[in-house]
Amino acid sequence: MLNKLPPRERQIVDLLFERGEMAVADICDALPVQLSGSAVRAMLKRLEDKGYVHRTESERGFLFSPAFSQNAARKSALSEVVRVFFNGSPAGAATALLGMSDPLDTEELDELEQMIARARAAKGGK
Protein backbone atom coordinates (compact mmCIF):
# COMPACT_ATOMS: atom_id res chain seq x y z
CA MET A 1 0.00 0.00 0.00
CA LEU A 2 2.39 2.74 1.20
CA ASN A 3 5.44 1.16 -0.43
CA LYS A 4 4.12 2.31 -3.82
CA LEU A 5 4.33 5.98 -2.87
CA PRO A 6 7.19 8.26 -3.89
CA PRO A 7 9.52 9.00 -0.93
CA ARG A 8 8.27 12.55 -0.20
CA GLU A 9 4.62 11.48 -0.30
CA ARG A 10 5.47 8.56 1.98
CA GLN A 11 7.13 10.97 4.43
CA ILE A 12 3.94 13.03 4.56
CA VAL A 13 1.72 10.02 5.22
CA ASP A 14 4.16 8.78 7.88
CA LEU A 15 3.99 12.20 9.57
CA LEU A 16 0.21 12.07 9.58
CA PHE A 17 0.26 8.63 11.21
CA GLU A 18 2.80 9.81 13.76
CA ARG A 19 1.24 13.16 14.67
CA GLY A 20 -2.40 12.94 13.62
CA GLU A 21 -4.30 15.66 11.78
CA MET A 22 -2.02 18.40 10.45
CA ALA A 23 -2.26 21.64 8.50
CA VAL A 24 -0.02 22.28 5.49
CA ALA A 25 2.20 24.71 7.44
CA ASP A 26 2.74 22.11 10.18
CA ILE A 27 3.63 19.47 7.61
CA CYS A 28 6.11 21.86 5.96
CA ASP A 29 7.76 22.53 9.33
CA ALA A 30 7.95 18.84 10.22
CA LEU A 31 9.48 17.56 6.98
CA PRO A 32 13.23 16.89 7.14
CA VAL A 33 13.77 18.79 3.87
CA GLN A 34 12.20 22.25 3.62
CA LEU A 35 9.55 22.35 0.87
CA SER A 36 7.29 25.20 -0.16
CA GLY A 37 3.67 25.20 0.94
CA SER A 38 2.58 24.91 -2.69
CA ALA A 39 4.75 21.80 -3.20
CA VAL A 40 3.29 20.18 -0.09
CA ARG A 41 -0.25 21.12 -1.12
CA ALA A 42 0.35 19.53 -4.55
CA MET A 43 1.56 16.31 -2.91
CA LEU A 44 -1.39 16.31 -0.52
CA LYS A 45 -3.76 16.73 -3.47
CA ARG A 46 -2.17 13.73 -5.19
CA LEU A 47 -2.36 11.72 -1.96
CA GLU A 48 -6.02 12.67 -1.58
CA ASP A 49 -6.73 11.69 -5.21
CA LYS A 50 -5.00 8.34 -4.64
CA GLY A 51 -7.07 7.76 -1.48
CA TYR A 52 -4.24 7.97 1.04
CA VAL A 53 -5.34 11.11 2.93
CA HIS A 54 -8.56 12.86 3.91
CA ARG A 55 -9.00 16.62 4.04
CA THR A 56 -11.30 18.41 6.45
CA GLU A 57 -11.97 22.13 6.89
CA SER A 58 -11.12 23.97 10.07
CA GLU A 59 -10.62 27.54 11.21
CA ARG A 60 -6.92 27.12 10.35
CA GLY A 61 -7.69 26.01 6.81
CA PHE A 62 -7.61 22.41 5.69
CA LEU A 63 -6.41 19.66 7.99
CA PHE A 64 -5.10 16.40 6.55
CA SER A 65 -5.17 12.93 8.09
CA PRO A 66 -4.58 9.36 6.86
CA ALA A 67 -7.52 7.84 4.98
CA PHE A 68 -7.03 4.44 6.61
CA SER A 69 -6.02 3.14 10.00
CA GLN A 70 -2.44 2.67 11.04
CA ASN A 71 -3.32 -0.96 11.70
CA ALA A 72 -4.34 -1.40 8.04
CA ALA A 73 -1.07 0.21 6.93
CA ARG A 74 0.93 -2.07 9.24
CA LYS A 75 -0.84 -5.16 7.94
CA SER A 76 -0.22 -4.16 4.35
CA ALA A 77 3.46 -3.40 4.96
CA LEU A 78 4.00 -6.59 6.91
CA SER A 79 2.23 -8.66 4.25
CA GLU A 80 4.62 -7.23 1.68
CA VAL A 81 7.68 -8.04 3.84
CA VAL A 82 6.43 -11.59 4.44
CA ARG A 83 5.76 -12.07 0.72
CA VAL A 84 9.12 -10.69 -0.43
CA PHE A 85 11.54 -11.90 2.25
CA PHE A 86 9.88 -15.04 3.63
CA ASN A 87 8.25 -16.55 0.53
CA GLY A 88 4.83 -15.73 1.93
CA SER A 89 5.42 -17.69 5.15
CA PRO A 90 4.17 -15.92 8.29
CA ALA A 91 5.78 -18.67 10.39
CA GLY A 92 9.14 -17.94 8.75
CA ALA A 93 8.74 -14.24 9.53
CA ALA A 94 7.73 -14.95 13.13
CA THR A 95 10.73 -17.27 13.57
CA ALA A 96 13.06 -14.55 12.26
CA LEU A 97 11.50 -11.96 14.58
CA LEU A 98 11.76 -14.20 17.62
CA GLY A 99 15.37 -15.05 16.76
CA MET A 100 16.48 -11.42 16.53
CA SER A 101 14.85 -10.05 19.68
CA ASP A 102 15.87 -10.19 23.31
CA PRO A 103 14.24 -13.03 25.22
CA LEU A 104 10.52 -12.42 25.57
CA ASP A 105 9.06 -11.88 29.01
CA THR A 106 6.25 -14.03 30.36
CA GLU A 107 3.58 -11.48 29.46
CA GLU A 108 4.72 -11.34 25.81
CA LEU A 109 4.86 -15.14 25.60
CA ASP A 110 1.34 -15.37 27.06
CA GLU A 111 0.10 -12.86 24.50
CA LEU A 112 1.65 -14.86 21.64
CA GLU A 113 0.11 -18.08 22.96
CA GLN A 114 -3.31 -16.43 23.10
CA MET A 115 -2.95 -15.15 19.54
CA ILE A 116 -2.00 -18.63 18.32
CA ALA A 117 -4.95 -20.15 20.18
CA ARG A 118 -7.34 -17.61 18.60
CA ALA A 119 -5.89 -18.30 15.14
CA ARG A 120 -6.37 -22.06 15.66
CA ALA A 121 -9.93 -21.56 16.88
CA ALA A 122 -10.71 -19.39 13.84
CA LYS A 123 -9.45 -22.19 11.57
CA GLY A 124 -11.55 -24.74 13.47
CA GLY A 125 -8.48 -26.50 14.85
CA LYS A 126 -7.65 -27.62 18.36
C-alpha atoms as a PDB file:
ATOM      1  CA  MET A   1       0.000   0.000   0.000  1.00  0.00           C
ATOM      2  CA  LEU A   2       2.390   2.740   1.198  1.00  0.00           C
ATOM      3  CA  ASN A   3       5.439   1.160  -0.430  1.00  0.00           C
ATOM      4  CA  LYS A   4       4.120   2.306  -3.816  1.00  0.00           C
ATOM      5  CA  LEU A   5       4.330   5.979  -2.873  1.00  0.00           C
ATOM      6  CA  PRO A   6       7.191   8.257  -3.886  1.00  0.00           C
ATOM      7  CA  PRO A   7       9.521   9.003  -0.932  1.00  0.00           C
ATOM      8  CA  ARG A   8       8.270  12.547  -0.199  1.00  0.00           C
ATOM      9  CA  GLU A   9       4.616  11.485  -0.303  1.00  0.00           C
ATOM     10  CA  ARG A  10       5.469   8.564   1.977  1.00  0.00           C
ATOM     11  CA  GLN A  11       7.128  10.970   4.434  1.00  0.00           C
ATOM     12  CA  ILE A  12       3.944  13.034   4.559  1.00  0.00           C
ATOM     13  CA  VAL A  13       1.719  10.016   5.222  1.00  0.00           C
ATOM     14  CA  ASP A  14       4.161   8.781   7.883  1.00  0.00           C
ATOM     15  CA  LEU A  15       3.994  12.198   9.570  1.00  0.00           C
ATOM     16  CA  LEU A  16       0.207  12.069   9.584  1.00  0.00           C
ATOM     17  CA  PHE A  17       0.259   8.627  11.215  1.00  0.00           C
ATOM     18  CA  GLU A  18       2.805   9.810  13.760  1.00  0.00           C
ATOM     19  CA  ARG A  19       1.242  13.163  14.673  1.00  0.00           C
ATOM     20  CA  GLY A  20      -2.401  12.942  13.620  1.00  0.00           C
ATOM     21  CA  GLU A  21      -4.301  15.657  11.784  1.00  0.00           C
ATOM     22  CA  MET A  22      -2.024  18.397  10.446  1.00  0.00           C
ATOM     23  CA  ALA A  23      -2.258  21.641   8.503  1.00  0.00           C
ATOM     24  CA  VAL A  24      -0.023  22.285   5.488  1.00  0.00           C
ATOM     25  CA  ALA A  25       2.200  24.707   7.442  1.00  0.00           C
ATOM     26  CA  ASP A  26       2.737  22.106  10.178  1.00  0.00           C
ATOM     27  CA  ILE A  27       3.629  19.468   7.606  1.00  0.00           C
ATOM     28  CA  CYS A  28       6.114  21.864   5.960  1.00  0.00           C
ATOM     29  CA  ASP A  29       7.759  22.534   9.334  1.00  0.00           C
ATOM     30  CA  ALA A  30       7.945  18.836  10.223  1.00  0.00           C
ATOM     31  CA  LEU A  31       9.483  17.563   6.984  1.00  0.00           C
ATOM     32  CA  PRO A  32      13.233  16.887   7.142  1.00  0.00           C
ATOM     33  CA  VAL A  33      13.766  18.790   3.869  1.00  0.00           C
ATOM     34  CA  GLN A  34      12.201  22.247   3.620  1.00  0.00           C
ATOM     35  CA  LEU A  35       9.555  22.352   0.868  1.00  0.00           C
ATOM     36  CA  SER A  36       7.288  25.201  -0.156  1.00  0.00           C
ATOM     37  CA  GLY A  37       3.668  25.199   0.936  1.00  0.00           C
ATOM     38  CA  SER A  38       2.575  24.911  -2.690  1.00  0.00           C
ATOM     39  CA  ALA A  39       4.746  21.802  -3.199  1.00  0.00           C
ATOM     40  CA  VAL A  40       3.294  20.176  -0.085  1.00  0.00           C
ATOM     41  CA  ARG A  41      -0.253  21.124  -1.125  1.00  0.00           C
ATOM     42  CA  ALA A  42       0.348  19.535  -4.545  1.00  0.00           C
ATOM     43  CA  MET A  43       1.560  16.313  -2.907  1.00  0.00           C
ATOM     44  CA  LEU A  44      -1.395  16.305  -0.517  1.00  0.00           C
ATOM     45  CA  LYS A  45      -3.763  16.733  -3.469  1.00  0.00           C
ATOM     46  CA  ARG A  46      -2.165  13.727  -5.190  1.00  0.00           C
ATOM     47  CA  LEU A  47      -2.360  11.722  -1.962  1.00  0.00           C
ATOM     48  CA  GLU A  48      -6.020  12.671  -1.583  1.00  0.00           C
ATOM     49  CA  ASP A  49      -6.732  11.691  -5.207  1.00  0.00           C
ATOM     50  CA  LYS A  50      -4.996   8.342  -4.638  1.00  0.00           C
ATOM     51  CA  GLY A  51      -7.069   7.756  -1.483  1.00  0.00           C
ATOM     52  CA  TYR A  52      -4.235   7.967   1.045  1.00  0.00           C
ATOM     53  CA  VAL A  53      -5.336  11.114   2.926  1.00  0.00           C
ATOM     54  CA  HIS A  54      -8.559  12.862   3.914  1.00  0.00           C
ATOM     55  CA  ARG A  55      -9.004  16.619   4.037  1.00  0.00           C
ATOM     56  CA  THR A  56     -11.300  18.412   6.453  1.00  0.00           C
ATOM     57  CA  GLU A  57     -11.966  22.125   6.888  1.00  0.00           C
ATOM     58  CA  SER A  58     -11.116  23.966  10.071  1.00  0.00           C
ATOM     59  CA  GLU A  59     -10.623  27.541  11.205  1.00  0.00           C
ATOM     60  CA  ARG A  60      -6.915  27.122  10.352  1.00  0.00           C
ATOM     61  CA  GLY A  61      -7.687  26.008   6.811  1.00  0.00           C
ATOM     62  CA  PHE A  62      -7.610  22.412   5.686  1.00  0.00           C
ATOM     63  CA  LEU A  63      -6.407  19.657   7.986  1.00  0.00           C
ATOM     64  CA  PHE A  64      -5.104  16.398   6.554  1.00  0.00           C
ATOM     65  CA  SER A  65      -5.172  12.928   8.086  1.00  0.00           C
ATOM     66  CA  PRO A  66      -4.582   9.357   6.860  1.00  0.00           C
ATOM     67  CA  ALA A  67      -7.522   7.838   4.981  1.00  0.00           C
ATOM     68  CA  PHE A  68      -7.032   4.440   6.608  1.00  0.00           C
ATOM     69  CA  SER A  69      -6.021   3.143  10.004  1.00  0.00           C
ATOM     70  CA  GLN A  70      -2.438   2.674  11.037  1.00  0.00           C
ATOM     71  CA  ASN A  71      -3.324  -0.962  11.696  1.00  0.00           C
ATOM     72  CA  ALA A  72      -4.340  -1.403   8.037  1.00  0.00           C
ATOM     73  CA  ALA A  73      -1.068   0.207   6.928  1.00  0.00           C
ATOM     74  CA  ARG A  74       0.933  -2.072   9.237  1.00  0.00           C
ATOM     75  CA  LYS A  75      -0.843  -5.156   7.942  1.00  0.00           C
ATOM     76  CA  SER A  76      -0.215  -4.156   4.351  1.00  0.00           C
ATOM     77  CA  ALA A  77       3.463  -3.397   4.959  1.00  0.00           C
ATOM     78  CA  LEU A  78       4.001  -6.595   6.909  1.00  0.00           C
ATOM     79  CA  SER A  79       2.228  -8.660   4.254  1.00  0.00           C
ATOM     80  CA  GLU A  80       4.622  -7.235   1.682  1.00  0.00           C
ATOM     81  CA  VAL A  81       7.679  -8.039   3.835  1.00  0.00           C
ATOM     82  CA  VAL A  82       6.429 -11.588   4.438  1.00  0.00           C
ATOM     83  CA  ARG A  83       5.762 -12.069   0.721  1.00  0.00           C
ATOM     84  CA  VAL A  84       9.122 -10.695  -0.432  1.00  0.00           C
ATOM     85  CA  PHE A  85      11.540 -11.900   2.249  1.00  0.00           C
ATOM     86  CA  PHE A  86       9.880 -15.038   3.631  1.00  0.00           C
ATOM     87  CA  ASN A  87       8.252 -16.547   0.527  1.00  0.00           C
ATOM     88  CA  GLY A  88       4.830 -15.728   1.934  1.00  0.00           C
ATOM     89  CA  SER A  89       5.422 -17.688   5.151  1.00  0.00           C
ATOM     90  CA  PRO A  90       4.166 -15.917   8.289  1.00  0.00           C
ATOM     91  CA  ALA A  91       5.776 -18.674  10.388  1.00  0.00           C
ATOM     92  CA  GLY A  92       9.137 -17.937   8.750  1.00  0.00           C
ATOM     93  CA  ALA A  93       8.741 -14.236   9.529  1.00  0.00           C
ATOM     94  CA  ALA A  94       7.733 -14.953  13.134  1.00  0.00           C
ATOM     95  CA  THR A  95      10.727 -17.265  13.570  1.00  0.00           C
ATOM     96  CA  ALA A  96      13.060 -14.547  12.264  1.00  0.00           C
ATOM     97  CA  LEU A  97      11.497 -11.956  14.580  1.00  0.00           C
ATOM     98  CA  LEU A  98      11.761 -14.198  17.616  1.00  0.00           C
ATOM     99  CA  GLY A  99      15.368 -15.048  16.757  1.00  0.00           C
ATOM    100  CA  MET A 100      16.477 -11.421  16.534  1.00  0.00           C
ATOM    101  CA  SER A 101      14.854 -10.045  19.680  1.00  0.00           C
ATOM    102  CA  ASP A 102      15.867 -10.186  23.305  1.00  0.00           C
ATOM    103  CA  PRO A 103      14.241 -13.034  25.216  1.00  0.00           C
ATOM    104  CA  LEU A 104      10.518 -12.424  25.566  1.00  0.00           C
ATOM    105  CA  ASP A 105       9.061 -11.879  29.009  1.00  0.00           C
ATOM    106  CA  THR A 106       6.248 -14.031  30.357  1.00  0.00           C
ATOM    107  CA  GLU A 107       3.579 -11.477  29.457  1.00  0.00           C
ATOM    108  CA  GLU A 108       4.718 -11.343  25.805  1.00  0.00           C
ATOM    109  CA  LEU A 109       4.863 -15.143  25.600  1.00  0.00           C
ATOM    110  CA  ASP A 110       1.335 -15.374  27.056  1.00  0.00           C
ATOM    111  CA  GLU A 111       0.103 -12.858  24.495  1.00  0.00           C
ATOM    112  CA  LEU A 112       1.654 -14.856  21.635  1.00  0.00           C
ATOM    113  CA  GLU A 113       0.109 -18.081  22.961  1.00  0.00           C
ATOM    114  CA  GLN A 114      -3.313 -16.427  23.101  1.00  0.00           C
ATOM    115  CA  MET A 115      -2.947 -15.152  19.539  1.00  0.00           C
ATOM    116  CA  ILE A 116      -1.996 -18.631  18.324  1.00  0.00           C
ATOM    117  CA  ALA A 117      -4.955 -20.151  20.175  1.00  0.00           C
ATOM    118  CA  ARG A 118      -7.340 -17.614  18.596  1.00  0.00           C
ATOM    119  CA  ALA A 119      -5.893 -18.296  15.140  1.00  0.00           C
ATOM    120  CA  ARG A 120      -6.368 -22.063  15.658  1.00  0.00           C
ATOM    121  CA  ALA A 121      -9.931 -21.559  16.876  1.00  0.00           C
ATOM    122  CA  ALA A 122     -10.708 -19.392  13.837  1.00  0.00           C
ATOM    123  CA  LYS A 123      -9.445 -22.192  11.573  1.00  0.00           C
ATOM    124  CA  GLY A 124     -11.554 -24.737  13.467  1.00  0.00           C
ATOM    125  CA  GLY A 125      -8.478 -26.502  14.851  1.00  0.00           C
ATOM    126  CA  LYS A 126      -7.647 -27.618  18.358  1.00  0.00           C
END
